Amino acid sequence: MNFDTLFHKQNKIIQVILLLIPFVNYITEILVRWSSFLRKGGALRLVISIIVTIPTGIIIGWLDAIWTLVFNKLLLE
């Protein structure tokens, strides 16, 4: 399933809420990042997907929440 396109179709408020809740944040980041990598490929997407998969992905998720609120897209996407 294309989790990245499903995520981007949501309202900005829903996206930010998904990225602010700690455990939901981690799962959302993993699904969106890996889905994006599998559909589009690329070395940068692979590196970001691996970084998000390790436990520091929670911090990146909170940065993504702020980035989504300001710029309406995920960090490094």
Protein backbone atom coordinates (compact mmCIF):
# COMPACT_ATOMS: atom_id res chain seq x y z
CA MET A 1 0.00 0.00 0.00
CA ASN A 2 1.16 3.54 -0.66
CA PHE A 3 1.36 4.92 2.85
CA ASP A 4 3.25 7.99 1.72
CA THR A 5 0.50 9.12 -0.68
CA LEU A 6 -2.16 8.27 1.91
CA PHE A 7 -0.31 10.38 4.49
CA HIS A 8 0.07 13.33 2.12
CA LYS A 9 -3.64 13.27 1.23
CA GLN A 10 -4.58 13.92 4.87
CA ASN A 11 -5.25 17.40 6.24
CA LYS A 12 -2.27 19.23 7.68
CA ILE A 13 -3.80 18.99 11.18
CA ILE A 14 -4.16 15.19 10.92
CA GLN A 15 -0.57 14.88 9.69
CA VAL A 16 0.76 16.94 12.61
CA ILE A 17 -1.34 15.00 15.14
CA LEU A 18 -0.04 11.69 13.76
CA LEU A 19 3.52 12.97 14.12
CA LEU A 20 3.08 14.34 17.65
CA ILE A 21 1.78 11.20 19.39
CA PRO A 22 4.92 9.29 20.46
CA PHE A 23 4.29 5.66 19.40
CA VAL A 24 2.00 6.58 16.50
CA ASN A 25 4.73 8.98 15.39
CA TYR A 26 7.29 6.17 15.16
CA ILE A 27 5.00 3.81 13.23
CA THR A 28 3.85 6.59 10.87
CA GLU A 29 7.44 7.59 10.13
CA ILE A 30 8.47 4.01 9.37
CA LEU A 31 5.48 3.35 7.11
CA VAL A 32 5.71 6.63 5.20
CA ARG A 33 9.50 6.61 4.75
CA TRP A 34 9.78 2.96 3.67
CA SER A 35 6.76 3.27 1.40
CA SER A 36 8.32 6.30 -0.26
CA PHE A 37 11.63 4.48 -0.70
CA LEU A 38 10.01 1.37 -2.16
CA ARG A 39 7.98 3.40 -4.66
CA LYS A 40 10.57 6.01 -5.71
CA GLY A 41 13.95 4.55 -4.69
CA GLY A 42 17.08 6.63 -4.17
CA ALA A 43 20.06 6.56 -1.85
CA LEU A 44 18.92 9.49 0.31
CA ARG A 45 15.49 7.93 0.87
CA LEU A 46 17.18 4.66 1.86
CA VAL A 47 19.45 6.38 4.39
CA ILE A 48 16.54 8.35 5.87
CA SER A 49 14.43 5.17 6.06
CA ILE A 50 17.17 3.34 7.94
CA ILE A 51 17.72 6.27 10.32
CA VAL A 52 13.99 6.48 11.04
CA THR A 53 13.82 2.74 11.74
CA ILE A 54 16.28 2.91 14.62
CA PRO A 55 14.95 4.35 17.92
CA THR A 56 16.14 7.89 17.10
CA GLY A 57 13.31 7.93 14.57
CA ILE A 58 11.02 9.26 17.31
CA ILE A 59 13.05 12.48 17.46
CA ILE A 60 13.01 12.78 13.68
CA GLY A 61 9.24 12.30 13.83
CA TRP A 62 8.87 15.31 16.10
CA LEU A 63 11.09 17.35 13.78
CA ASP A 64 8.85 16.20 10.94
CA ALA A 65 5.79 17.39 12.86
CA ILE A 66 7.24 20.91 13.05
CA TRP A 67 8.48 20.75 9.45
CA THR A 68 5.04 19.59 8.25
CA LEU A 69 3.35 22.38 10.16
CA VAL A 70 5.60 25.04 8.61
CA PHE A 71 6.33 23.71 5.10
CA ASN A 72 3.54 21.13 4.52
CA LYS A 73 5.96 18.28 3.72
CA LEU A 74 8.23 15.91 5.60
CA LEU A 75 11.84 16.78 6.35
CA LEU A 76 14.23 15.66 3.55
CA GLU A 77 11.48 14.47 1.27
